[in-house]
Amino acid sequence: MTFTFYTQIFFQPVQEVAEQFDTIQQAMASAEKIFHIVDEPQEEYVPETFAGVVPHEFSIEFQDVHLSYTPGQEILKGISFNVEQGGSVALVGATGAGKTSITGLVPRFYGIDSGRVLLGGVDVATLPAEFLRQSVAFVMQDVFIFSGTVLHNIALFDEHPDEQKVAEIVDYLGMGFMKGLEGGLHHHLYERGNNLSSGERQLISFARALYFDPKVLILDEATSDIDTESEAVIQAAIRKILTGRTSIIVAHRLSTIRTVDRILVVQKGQISESGTHEELVAKGGIYKNLYELQSLSEEEA
């Protein structure tokens, strides 16, 4: 028994050293990624081709766009569609089809291989990045909430947030949960919003978008992680924030996009189907199969 006991005592520090080594390896991998980002050159705000012409209306048009992150491996293969000023288009399809890549080309997050992306008839490649990022707002599935008040989370990095404006937005979106927060707009939120539900975090992201009044709004899977109870409130808020704005919606729940102007089915980097909800269901193609499968799954749930 003594021998066994001493053997355990002997191997315990060896095991602890092995665990620390594993932690160090993870930290090194994380540090490498951080340094890679820090070493990236600063983005030029004004392209050489900028002639001082910025769009006065905010329609979106893709003209035979090809994109590849790795040479020879195309992600998007000849994407062409348009969204009229104040109109809405939804992108549906399997994971990895290229939906999010399409949305990232509007604010010029990536350089395309060929084709053109136009904002109000002006090629985004000729526009200053600052103008594009101020004109386009993203509402993502994973909403990051900073440690601080509700007011500062909605106004983000505004040094002098307009509290009256934020209060009007909260009221406009019907954010009823705010009445239950001690201090209202000055209620303190934990990092990542751990003291909020997923629906409440999503509503804050909508208010955040409205605060900066973007001309173009992109919703990327913004309703896929919402509980059923919050969905009606979220849908009402979405209808309000889309009003008067050119919108692209990456949809997970097909029931949430029945009222958009047009639905595009993206498959392996190409648009395979296009039309309204009723047209695509009547067509009996990929969209109809997706819609029926999801409806069946929801009924079973």
C-alpha atoms as a PDB file:
ATOM      1  CA  MET A   1       0.000   0.000   0.000  1.00  0.00           C
ATOM      2  CA  THR A   2       2.860   2.359   0.822  1.00  0.00           C
ATOM      3  CA  PHE A   3       4.542   1.610  -2.522  1.00  0.00           C
ATOM      4  CA  THR A   4       1.278   2.274  -4.431  1.00  0.00           C
ATOM      5  CA  PHE A   5       0.717   5.507  -2.508  1.00  0.00           C
ATOM      6  CA  TYR A   6       4.234   6.783  -3.268  1.00  0.00           C
ATOM      7  CA  THR A   7       3.831   5.822  -6.926  1.00  0.00           C
ATOM      8  CA  GLN A   8       0.706   8.003  -7.168  1.00  0.00           C
ATOM      9  CA  ILE A   9       2.506  10.903  -5.476  1.00  0.00           C
ATOM     10  CA  PHE A  10       5.419  10.502  -7.913  1.00  0.00           C
ATOM     11  CA  PHE A  11       3.261  10.596 -11.058  1.00  0.00           C
ATOM     12  CA  GLN A  12       0.967  13.444  -9.973  1.00  0.00           C
ATOM     13  CA  PRO A  13       3.494  16.251 -10.743  1.00  0.00           C
ATOM     14  CA  VAL A  14       4.361  14.533 -14.041  1.00  0.00           C
ATOM     15  CA  GLN A  15       0.681  14.600 -14.996  1.00  0.00           C
ATOM     16  CA  GLU A  16       0.403  18.276 -13.978  1.00  0.00           C
ATOM     17  CA  VAL A  17       3.422  19.162 -16.124  1.00  0.00           C
ATOM     18  CA  ALA A  18       1.801  17.389 -19.093  1.00  0.00           C
ATOM     19  CA  GLU A  19      -1.430  19.352 -18.560  1.00  0.00           C
ATOM     20  CA  GLN A  20       0.467  22.644 -18.371  1.00  0.00           C
ATOM     21  CA  PHE A  21       2.312  21.776 -21.574  1.00  0.00           C
ATOM     22  CA  ASP A  22      -1.048  21.237 -23.293  1.00  0.00           C
ATOM     23  CA  THR A  23      -2.221  24.663 -22.062  1.00  0.00           C
ATOM     24  CA  ILE A  24       0.986  26.274 -23.346  1.00  0.00           C
ATOM     25  CA  GLN A  25       0.490  24.690 -26.772  1.00  0.00           C
ATOM     26  CA  GLN A  26      -3.061  26.082 -26.982  1.00  0.00           C
ATOM     27  CA  ALA A  27      -1.832  29.522 -25.901  1.00  0.00           C
ATOM     28  CA  MET A  28       0.917  29.463 -28.549  1.00  0.00           C
ATOM     29  CA  ALA A  29      -1.597  28.602 -31.265  1.00  0.00           C
ATOM     30  CA  SER A  30      -3.867  31.465 -30.116  1.00  0.00           C
ATOM     31  CA  ALA A  31      -0.943  33.898 -29.943  1.00  0.00           C
ATOM     32  CA  GLU A  32       0.075  32.977 -33.490  1.00  0.00           C
ATOM     33  CA  LYS A  33      -3.411  33.892 -34.744  1.00  0.00           C
ATOM     34  CA  ILE A  34      -3.390  37.175 -32.813  1.00  0.00           C
ATOM     35  CA  PHE A  35       0.016  38.172 -34.213  1.00  0.00           C
ATOM     36  CA  HIS A  36      -1.152  37.238 -37.715  1.00  0.00           C
ATOM     37  CA  ILE A  37      -4.078  39.675 -37.405  1.00  0.00           C
ATOM     38  CA  VAL A  38      -1.953  42.433 -35.816  1.00  0.00           C
ATOM     39  CA  ASP A  39       0.622  42.128 -38.625  1.00  0.00           C
ATOM     40  CA  GLU A  40      -2.014  42.654 -41.334  1.00  0.00           C
ATOM     41  CA  PRO A  41      -1.371  45.927 -43.215  1.00  0.00           C
ATOM     42  CA  GLN A  42      -3.817  48.742 -42.529  1.00  0.00           C
ATOM     43  CA  GLU A  43      -6.606  48.897 -45.083  1.00  0.00           C
ATOM     44  CA  GLU A  44      -6.522  51.823 -47.492  1.00  0.00           C
ATOM     45  CA  TYR A  45      -9.683  53.897 -47.018  1.00  0.00           C
ATOM     46  CA  VAL A  46      -9.596  55.658 -50.387  1.00  0.00           C
ATOM     47  CA  PRO A  47      -8.942  53.509 -53.501  1.00  0.00           C
ATOM     48  CA  GLU A  48      -6.848  54.980 -56.298  1.00  0.00           C
ATOM     49  CA  THR A  49      -9.833  54.799 -58.649  1.00  0.00           C
ATOM     50  CA  PHE A  50     -12.052  56.929 -56.399  1.00  0.00           C
ATOM     51  CA  ALA A  51     -13.224  59.967 -58.371  1.00  0.00           C
ATOM     52  CA  GLY A  52     -15.286  61.533 -55.608  1.00  0.00           C
ATOM     53  CA  VAL A  53     -18.503  59.933 -56.879  1.00  0.00           C
ATOM     54  CA  VAL A  54     -20.634  58.262 -54.217  1.00  0.00           C
ATOM     55  CA  PRO A  55     -24.085  56.762 -54.825  1.00  0.00           C
ATOM     56  CA  HIS A  56     -27.178  58.760 -53.929  1.00  0.00           C
ATOM     57  CA  GLU A  57     -29.424  55.701 -53.969  1.00  0.00           C
ATOM     58  CA  PHE A  58     -28.636  52.275 -52.619  1.00  0.00           C
ATOM     59  CA  SER A  59     -29.691  49.531 -54.971  1.00  0.00           C
ATOM     60  CA  ILE A  60     -27.404  46.468 -55.147  1.00  0.00           C
ATOM     61  CA  GLU A  61     -26.368  44.623 -58.290  1.00  0.00           C
ATOM     62  CA  PHE A  62     -24.080  41.603 -58.764  1.00  0.00           C
ATOM     63  CA  GLN A  63     -22.786  41.149 -62.314  1.00  0.00           C
ATOM     64  CA  ASP A  64     -21.250  37.710 -63.048  1.00  0.00           C
ATOM     65  CA  VAL A  65     -19.237  37.699 -59.810  1.00  0.00           C
ATOM     66  CA  HIS A  66     -16.552  35.055 -59.270  1.00  0.00           C
ATOM     67  CA  LEU A  67     -14.754  34.682 -55.933  1.00  0.00           C
ATOM     68  CA  SER A  68     -12.106  32.320 -54.613  1.00  0.00           C
ATOM     69  CA  TYR A  69     -10.251  32.442 -51.298  1.00  0.00           C
ATOM     70  CA  THR A  70      -7.681  29.933 -52.568  1.00  0.00           C
ATOM     71  CA  PRO A  71      -6.483  30.159 -56.195  1.00  0.00           C
ATOM     72  CA  GLY A  72      -8.223  27.570 -58.354  1.00  0.00           C
ATOM     73  CA  GLN A  73     -10.998  26.854 -55.820  1.00  0.00           C
ATOM     74  CA  GLU A  74     -13.959  29.064 -56.679  1.00  0.00           C
ATOM     75  CA  ILE A  75     -16.478  29.776 -53.926  1.00  0.00           C
ATOM     76  CA  LEU A  76     -18.816  31.873 -56.086  1.00  0.00           C
ATOM     77  CA  LYS A  77     -19.282  31.004 -59.751  1.00  0.00           C
ATOM     78  CA  GLY A  78     -20.957  33.697 -61.808  1.00  0.00           C
ATOM     79  CA  ILE A  79     -23.379  35.228 -59.275  1.00  0.00           C
ATOM     80  CA  SER A  80     -25.793  37.738 -60.853  1.00  0.00           C
ATOM     81  CA  PHE A  81     -28.814  39.373 -59.226  1.00  0.00           C
ATOM     82  CA  ASN A  82     -30.082  42.797 -58.228  1.00  0.00           C
ATOM     83  CA  VAL A  83     -31.940  44.343 -55.298  1.00  0.00           C
ATOM     84  CA  GLU A  84     -33.854  47.542 -55.946  1.00  0.00           C
ATOM     85  CA  GLN A  85     -33.620  50.569 -53.647  1.00  0.00           C
ATOM     86  CA  GLY A  86     -35.589  49.684 -50.499  1.00  0.00           C
ATOM     87  CA  GLY A  87     -36.154  46.107 -51.731  1.00  0.00           C
ATOM     88  CA  SER A  88     -35.319  42.819 -50.044  1.00  0.00           C
ATOM     89  CA  VAL A  89     -33.757  39.554 -51.200  1.00  0.00           C
ATOM     90  CA  ALA A  90     -33.306  36.361 -49.175  1.00  0.00           C
ATOM     91  CA  LEU A  91     -30.510  33.841 -49.716  1.00  0.00           C
ATOM     92  CA  VAL A  92     -31.216  30.219 -48.808  1.00  0.00           C
ATOM     93  CA  GLY A  93     -29.268  27.021 -49.268  1.00  0.00           C
ATOM     94  CA  ALA A  94     -27.058  24.482 -47.559  1.00  0.00           C
ATOM     95  CA  THR A  95     -24.180  25.409 -45.261  1.00  0.00           C
ATOM     96  CA  GLY A  96     -21.111  26.241 -47.337  1.00  0.00           C
ATOM     97  CA  ALA A  97     -23.105  27.166 -50.452  1.00  0.00           C
ATOM     98  CA  GLY A  98     -21.644  30.698 -50.478  1.00  0.00           C
ATOM     99  CA  LYS A  99     -24.439  32.775 -48.918  1.00  0.00           C
ATOM    100  CA  THR A 100     -22.299  34.604 -46.352  1.00  0.00           C
ATOM    101  CA  SER A 101     -19.560  35.143 -48.948  1.00  0.00           C
ATOM    102  CA  ILE A 102     -22.095  36.975 -51.127  1.00  0.00           C
ATOM    103  CA  THR A 103     -23.062  39.332 -48.303  1.00  0.00           C
ATOM    104  CA  GLY A 104     -19.404  40.092 -47.520  1.00  0.00           C
ATOM    105  CA  LEU A 105     -18.854  41.476 -51.010  1.00  0.00           C
ATOM    106  CA  VAL A 106     -21.278  44.406 -50.573  1.00  0.00           C
ATOM    107  CA  PRO A 107     -19.047  46.257 -48.033  1.00  0.00           C
ATOM    108  CA  ARG A 108     -15.983  44.904 -49.906  1.00  0.00           C
ATOM    109  CA  PHE A 109     -14.674  42.591 -47.214  1.00  0.00           C
ATOM    110  CA  TYR A 110     -13.050  40.543 -50.013  1.00  0.00           C
ATOM    111  CA  GLY A 111     -11.647  41.332 -53.428  1.00  0.00           C
ATOM    112  CA  ILE A 112     -13.420  39.429 -56.226  1.00  0.00           C
ATOM    113  CA  ASP A 113     -11.717  37.535 -59.062  1.00  0.00           C
ATOM    114  CA  SER A 114     -13.961  38.924 -61.811  1.00  0.00           C
ATOM    115  CA  GLY A 115     -17.312  40.612 -62.349  1.00  0.00           C
ATOM    116  CA  ARG A 116     -18.678  43.668 -60.547  1.00  0.00           C
ATOM    117  CA  VAL A 117     -20.631  44.517 -57.400  1.00  0.00           C
ATOM    118  CA  LEU A 118     -22.526  47.786 -57.761  1.00  0.00           C
ATOM    119  CA  LEU A 119     -24.003  49.948 -55.006  1.00  0.00           C
ATOM    120  CA  GLY A 120     -26.355  52.537 -56.457  1.00  0.00           C
ATOM    121  CA  GLY A 121     -24.815  51.937 -59.864  1.00  0.00           C
ATOM    122  CA  VAL A 122     -21.267  52.600 -58.590  1.00  0.00           C
ATOM    123  CA  ASP A 123     -18.683  49.807 -58.421  1.00  0.00           C
ATOM    124  CA  VAL A 124     -17.866  49.151 -54.737  1.00  0.00           C
ATOM    125  CA  ALA A 125     -14.217  48.619 -55.768  1.00  0.00           C
ATOM    126  CA  THR A 126     -14.015  52.372 -56.452  1.00  0.00           C
ATOM    127  CA  LEU A 127     -15.614  53.519 -53.190  1.00  0.00           C
ATOM    128  CA  PRO A 128     -13.803  54.393 -49.940  1.00  0.00           C
ATOM    129  CA  ALA A 129     -14.057  51.639 -47.336  1.00  0.00           C
ATOM    130  CA  GLU A 130     -15.197  54.163 -44.728  1.00  0.00           C
ATOM    131  CA  PHE A 131     -18.225  55.122 -46.853  1.00  0.00           C
ATOM    132  CA  LEU A 132     -19.124  51.471 -47.469  1.00  0.00           C
ATOM    133  CA  ARG A 133     -18.875  50.471 -43.809  1.00  0.00           C
ATOM    134  CA  GLN A 134     -21.023  53.446 -42.762  1.00  0.00           C
ATOM    135  CA  SER A 135     -23.661  52.604 -45.383  1.00  0.00           C
ATOM    136  CA  VAL A 136     -23.926  48.862 -44.673  1.00  0.00           C
ATOM    137  CA  ALA A 137     -24.914  47.287 -41.341  1.00  0.00           C
ATOM    138  CA  PHE A 138     -24.709  43.598 -40.421  1.00  0.00           C
ATOM    139  CA  VAL A 139     -26.931  41.804 -37.929  1.00  0.00           C
ATOM    140  CA  MET A 140     -25.327  38.453 -37.236  1.00  0.00           C
ATOM    141  CA  GLN A 141     -26.517  35.266 -35.564  1.00  0.00           C
ATOM    142  CA  ASP A 142     -23.845  35.497 -32.859  1.00  0.00           C
ATOM    143  CA  VAL A 143     -24.397  38.894 -31.208  1.00  0.00           C
ATOM    144  CA  PHE A 144     -21.477  40.158 -29.128  1.00  0.00           C
ATOM    145  CA  ILE A 145     -22.515  42.111 -26.049  1.00  0.00           C
ATOM    146  CA  PHE A 146     -19.808  44.145 -24.335  1.00  0.00           C
ATOM    147  CA  SER A 147     -19.491  44.586 -20.583  1.00  0.00           C
ATOM    148  CA  GLY A 148     -21.278  47.886 -19.956  1.00  0.00           C
ATOM    149  CA  THR A 149     -24.697  49.534 -19.991  1.00  0.00           C
ATOM    150  CA  VAL A 150     -27.489  48.819 -22.475  1.00  0.00           C
ATOM    151  CA  LEU A 151     -27.063  52.392 -23.734  1.00  0.00           C
ATOM    152  CA  HIS A 152     -23.384  51.968 -24.562  1.00  0.00           C
ATOM    153  CA  ASN A 153     -23.992  48.552 -26.129  1.00  0.00           C
ATOM    154  CA  ILE A 154     -26.522  50.062 -28.550  1.00  0.00           C
ATOM    155  CA  ALA A 155     -24.511  53.230 -29.292  1.00  0.00           C
ATOM    156  CA  LEU A 156     -21.266  51.197 -29.371  1.00  0.00           C
ATOM    157  CA  PHE A 157     -18.270  53.512 -29.679  1.00  0.00           C
ATOM    158  CA  ASP A 158     -20.204  56.782 -29.784  1.00  0.00           C
ATOM    159  CA  GLU A 159     -18.403  58.938 -27.196  1.00  0.00           C
ATOM    160  CA  HIS A 160     -21.560  60.978 -26.552  1.00  0.00           C
ATOM    161  CA  PRO A 161     -24.492  58.569 -27.052  1.00  0.00           C
ATOM    162  CA  ASP A 162     -27.881  60.132 -27.751  1.00  0.00           C
ATOM    163  CA  GLU A 163     -29.975  58.659 -24.931  1.00  0.00           C
ATOM    164  CA  GLN A 164     -33.231  60.113 -26.303  1.00  0.00           C
ATOM    165  CA  LYS A 165     -32.578  58.539 -29.705  1.00  0.00           C
ATOM    166  CA  VAL A 166     -31.824  55.156 -28.117  1.00  0.00           C
ATOM    167  CA  ALA A 167     -34.997  55.352 -26.012  1.00  0.00           C
ATOM    168  CA  GLU A 168     -37.069  56.058 -29.141  1.00  0.00           C
ATOM    169  CA  ILE A 169     -35.502  53.077 -30.949  1.00  0.00           C
ATOM    170  CA  VAL A 170     -36.177  50.779 -27.976  1.00  0.00           C
ATOM    171  CA  ASP A 171     -39.812  51.896 -27.938  1.00  0.00           C
ATOM    172  CA  TYR A 172     -40.112  51.580 -31.744  1.00  0.00           C
ATOM    173  CA  LEU A 173     -38.830  47.983 -31.720  1.00  0.00           C
ATOM    174  CA  GLY A 174     -41.118  46.980 -28.856  1.00  0.00           C
ATOM    175  CA  MET A 175     -38.278  45.871 -26.566  1.00  0.00           C
ATOM    176  CA  GLY A 176     -40.610  45.137 -23.647  1.00  0.00           C
ATOM    177  CA  PHE A 177     -37.943  43.312 -21.630  1.00  0.00           C
ATOM    178  CA  MET A 178     -36.274  46.688 -20.978  1.00  0.00           C
ATOM    179  CA  LYS A 179     -39.025  47.550 -18.464  1.00  0.00           C
ATOM    180  CA  GLY A 180     -37.862  44.699 -16.252  1.00  0.00           C
ATOM    181  CA  LEU A 181     -34.207  45.796 -16.202  1.00  0.00           C
ATOM    182  CA  GLU A 182     -33.124  47.770 -13.161  1.00  0.00           C
ATOM    183  CA  GLY A 183     -31.899  51.145 -14.379  1.00  0.00           C
ATOM    184  CA  GLY A 184     -33.403  50.729 -17.861  1.00  0.00           C
ATOM    185  CA  LEU A 185     -30.872  51.932 -20.469  1.00  0.00           C
ATOM    186  CA  HIS A 186     -28.260  52.196 -17.696  1.00  0.00           C
ATOM    187  CA  HIS A 187     -28.646  48.569 -16.648  1.00  0.00           C
ATOM    188  CA  HIS A 188     -25.253  46.843 -16.644  1.00  0.00           C
ATOM    189  CA  LEU A 189     -24.800  43.894 -19.012  1.00  0.00           C
ATOM    190  CA  TYR A 190     -22.215  41.174 -18.579  1.00  0.00           C
ATOM    191  CA  GLU A 191     -19.733  40.393 -21.315  1.00  0.00           C
ATOM    192  CA  ARG A 192     -21.404  38.343 -24.099  1.00  0.00           C
ATOM    193  CA  GLY A 193     -24.775  39.238 -22.562  1.00  0.00           C
ATOM    194  CA  ASN A 194     -24.890  36.292 -20.176  1.00  0.00           C
ATOM    195  CA  ASN A 195     -27.678  38.004 -18.205  1.00  0.00           C
ATOM    196  CA  LEU A 196     -29.900  38.232 -21.319  1.00  0.00           C
ATOM    197  CA  SER A 197     -31.792  35.649 -23.375  1.00  0.00           C
ATOM    198  CA  SER A 198     -30.849  34.998 -27.014  1.00  0.00           C
ATOM    199  CA  GLY A 199     -33.915  36.937 -28.184  1.00  0.00           C
ATOM    200  CA  GLU A 200     -33.032  39.936 -26.003  1.00  0.00           C
ATOM    201  CA  ARG A 201     -29.469  39.970 -27.329  1.00  0.00           C
ATOM    202  CA  GLN A 202     -30.809  39.886 -30.879  1.00  0.00           C
ATOM    203  CA  LEU A 203     -33.139  42.832 -30.216  1.00  0.00           C
ATOM    204  CA  ILE A 204     -30.175  44.845 -28.926  1.00  0.00           C
ATOM    205  CA  SER A 205     -28.341  44.096 -32.184  1.00  0.00           C
ATOM    206  CA  PHE A 206     -31.355  45.419 -34.154  1.00  0.00           C
ATOM    207  CA  ALA A 207     -31.384  48.592 -32.041  1.00  0.00           C
ATOM    208  CA  ARG A 208     -27.649  48.903 -32.637  1.00  0.00           C
ATOM    209  CA  ALA A 209     -28.200  48.799 -36.409  1.00  0.00           C
ATOM    210  CA  LEU A 210     -30.993  51.394 -36.270  1.00  0.00           C
ATOM    211  CA  TYR A 211     -28.907  53.764 -34.139  1.00  0.00           C
ATOM    212  CA  PHE A 212     -26.449  54.240 -36.998  1.00  0.00           C
ATOM    213  CA  ASP A 213     -29.257  54.413 -39.615  1.00  0.00           C
ATOM    214  CA  PRO A 214     -27.634  52.316 -42.405  1.00  0.00           C
ATOM    215  CA  LYS A 215     -28.843  52.488 -45.998  1.00  0.00           C
ATOM    216  CA  VAL A 216     -28.200  48.779 -46.565  1.00  0.00           C
ATOM    217  CA  LEU A 217     -29.010  46.084 -44.005  1.00  0.00           C
ATOM    218  CA  ILE A 218     -27.698  42.517 -44.069  1.00  0.00           C
ATOM    219  CA  LEU A 219     -29.203  39.905 -41.738  1.00  0.00           C
ATOM    220  CA  ASP A 220     -27.024  36.801 -41.559  1.00  0.00           C
ATOM    221  CA  GLU A 221     -28.958  33.922 -39.903  1.00  0.00           C
ATOM    222  CA  ALA A 222     -30.336  36.494 -37.430  1.00  0.00           C
ATOM    223  CA  THR A 223     -33.292  34.331 -36.355  1.00  0.00           C
ATOM    224  CA  SER A 224     -31.809  30.834 -36.358  1.00  0.00           C
ATOM    225  CA  ASP A 225     -31.058  30.706 -32.614  1.00  0.00           C
ATOM    226  CA  ILE A 226     -34.266  32.290 -31.313  1.00  0.00           C
ATOM    227  CA  ASP A 227     -36.706  30.526 -29.029  1.00  0.00           C
ATOM    228  CA  THR A 228     -40.308  30.193 -30.249  1.00  0.00           C
ATOM    229  CA  GLU A 229     -41.625  32.599 -27.624  1.00  0.00           C
ATOM    230  CA  SER A 230     -39.331  35.403 -28.839  1.00  0.00           C
ATOM    231  CA  GLU A 231     -39.804  34.731 -32.558  1.00  0.00           C
ATOM    232  CA  ALA A 232     -42.975  36.813 -32.947  1.00  0.00           C
ATOM    233  CA  VAL A 233     -41.318  39.819 -31.287  1.00  0.00           C
ATOM    234  CA  ILE A 234     -38.181  39.347 -33.413  1.00  0.00           C
ATOM    235  CA  GLN A 235     -40.211  39.096 -36.629  1.00  0.00           C
ATOM    236  CA  ALA A 236     -42.090  42.313 -35.820  1.00  0.00           C
ATOM    237  CA  ALA A 237     -38.764  44.050 -35.139  1.00  0.00           C
ATOM    238  CA  ILE A 238     -37.278  42.757 -38.412  1.00  0.00           C
ATOM    239  CA  ARG A 239     -40.197  44.150 -40.409  1.00  0.00           C
ATOM    240  CA  LYS A 240     -39.597  47.542 -38.801  1.00  0.00           C
ATOM    241  CA  ILE A 241     -35.842  47.711 -39.370  1.00  0.00           C
ATOM    242  CA  LEU A 242     -36.183  46.580 -43.011  1.00  0.00           C
ATOM    243  CA  THR A 243     -38.639  49.365 -43.844  1.00  0.00           C
ATOM    244  CA  GLY A 244     -37.097  51.721 -46.403  1.00  0.00           C
ATOM    245  CA  ARG A 245     -33.741  49.914 -46.446  1.00  0.00           C
ATOM    246  CA  THR A 246     -32.185  47.778 -49.160  1.00  0.00           C
ATOM    247  CA  SER A 247     -31.836  44.369 -47.512  1.00  0.00           C
ATOM    248  CA  ILE A 248     -30.159  41.004 -48.036  1.00  0.00           C
ATOM    249  CA  ILE A 249     -31.271  38.258 -45.657  1.00  0.00           C
ATOM    250  CA  VAL A 250     -29.421  34.973 -45.178  1.00  0.00           C
ATOM    251  CA  ALA A 251     -32.216  32.750 -43.935  1.00  0.00           C
ATOM    252  CA  HIS A 252     -32.160  29.601 -41.839  1.00  0.00           C
ATOM    253  CA  ARG A 253     -35.861  29.502 -40.978  1.00  0.00           C
ATOM    254  CA  LEU A 254     -37.688  29.639 -44.297  1.00  0.00           C
ATOM    255  CA  SER A 255     -40.914  30.678 -42.571  1.00  0.00           C
ATOM    256  CA  THR A 256     -39.311  34.046 -41.769  1.00  0.00           C
ATOM    257  CA  ILE A 257     -38.723  35.118 -45.386  1.00  0.00           C
ATOM    258  CA  ARG A 258     -42.120  34.589 -46.991  1.00  0.00           C
ATOM    259  CA  THR A 259     -42.680  38.338 -47.341  1.00  0.00           C
ATOM    260  CA  VAL A 260     -39.395  39.311 -49.057  1.00  0.00           C
ATOM    261  CA  ASP A 261     -39.445  40.541 -52.659  1.00  0.00           C
ATOM    262  CA  ARG A 262     -37.393  37.612 -53.978  1.00  0.00           C
ATOM    263  CA  ILE A 263     -35.761  34.423 -52.745  1.00  0.00           C
ATOM    264  CA  LEU A 264     -32.514  33.120 -54.243  1.00  0.00           C
ATOM    265  CA  VAL A 265     -31.532  29.486 -53.746  1.00  0.00           C
ATOM    266  CA  VAL A 266     -27.718  29.256 -53.627  1.00  0.00           C
ATOM    267  CA  GLN A 267     -26.186  25.869 -54.412  1.00  0.00           C
ATOM    268  CA  LYS A 268     -22.437  25.226 -54.689  1.00  0.00           C
ATOM    269  CA  GLY A 269     -21.642  28.874 -55.387  1.00  0.00           C
ATOM    270  CA  GLN A 270     -24.351  29.390 -57.987  1.00  0.00           C
ATOM    271  CA  ILE A 271     -27.946  30.634 -57.988  1.00  0.00           C
ATOM    272  CA  SER A 272     -30.047  27.643 -58.938  1.00  0.00           C
ATOM    273  CA  GLU A 273     -33.544  29.074 -58.317  1.00  0.00           C
ATOM    274  CA  SER A 274     -35.080  32.532 -58.040  1.00  0.00           C
ATOM    275  CA  GLY A 275     -38.592  33.773 -57.277  1.00  0.00           C
ATOM    276  CA  THR A 276     -41.128  34.522 -54.554  1.00  0.00           C
ATOM    277  CA  HIS A 277     -42.070  31.957 -51.915  1.00  0.00           C
ATOM    278  CA  GLU A 278     -45.257  30.995 -53.777  1.00  0.00           C
ATOM    279  CA  GLU A 279     -43.465  30.733 -57.142  1.00  0.00           C
ATOM    280  CA  LEU A 280     -40.694  28.509 -55.793  1.00  0.00           C
ATOM    281  CA  VAL A 281     -43.091  26.217 -53.925  1.00  0.00           C
ATOM    282  CA  ALA A 282     -45.190  25.862 -57.082  1.00  0.00           C
ATOM    283  CA  LYS A 283     -42.049  25.136 -59.103  1.00  0.00           C
ATOM    284  CA  GLY A 284     -41.375  22.027 -57.028  1.00  0.00           C
ATOM    285  CA  GLY A 285     -37.588  22.290 -56.947  1.00  0.00           C
ATOM    286  CA  ILE A 286     -34.903  22.560 -54.272  1.00  0.00           C
ATOM    287  CA  TYR A 287     -36.677  25.308 -52.316  1.00  0.00           C
ATOM    288  CA  LYS A 288     -39.899  23.327 -52.048  1.00  0.00           C
ATOM    289  CA  ASN A 289     -37.999  20.313 -50.707  1.00  0.00           C
ATOM    290  CA  LEU A 290     -36.199  22.493 -48.136  1.00  0.00           C
ATOM    291  CA  TYR A 291     -39.448  24.140 -47.065  1.00  0.00           C
ATOM    292  CA  GLU A 292     -41.324  20.843 -46.672  1.00  0.00           C
ATOM    293  CA  LEU A 293     -38.473  19.210 -44.745  1.00  0.00           C
ATOM    294  CA  GLN A 294     -38.222  22.159 -42.374  1.00  0.00           C
ATOM    295  CA  SER A 295     -42.002  22.326 -41.881  1.00  0.00           C
ATOM    296  CA  LEU A 296     -42.066  18.606 -41.067  1.00  0.00           C
ATOM    297  CA  SER A 297     -39.183  18.998 -38.634  1.00  0.00           C
ATOM    298  CA  GLU A 298     -40.919  21.889 -36.839  1.00  0.00           C
ATOM    299  CA  GLU A 299     -44.174  19.939 -36.578  1.00  0.00           C
ATOM    300  CA  GLU A 300     -42.358  16.958 -35.045  1.00  0.00           C
ATOM    301  CA  ALA A 301     -40.567  19.268 -32.598  1.00  0.00           C
END
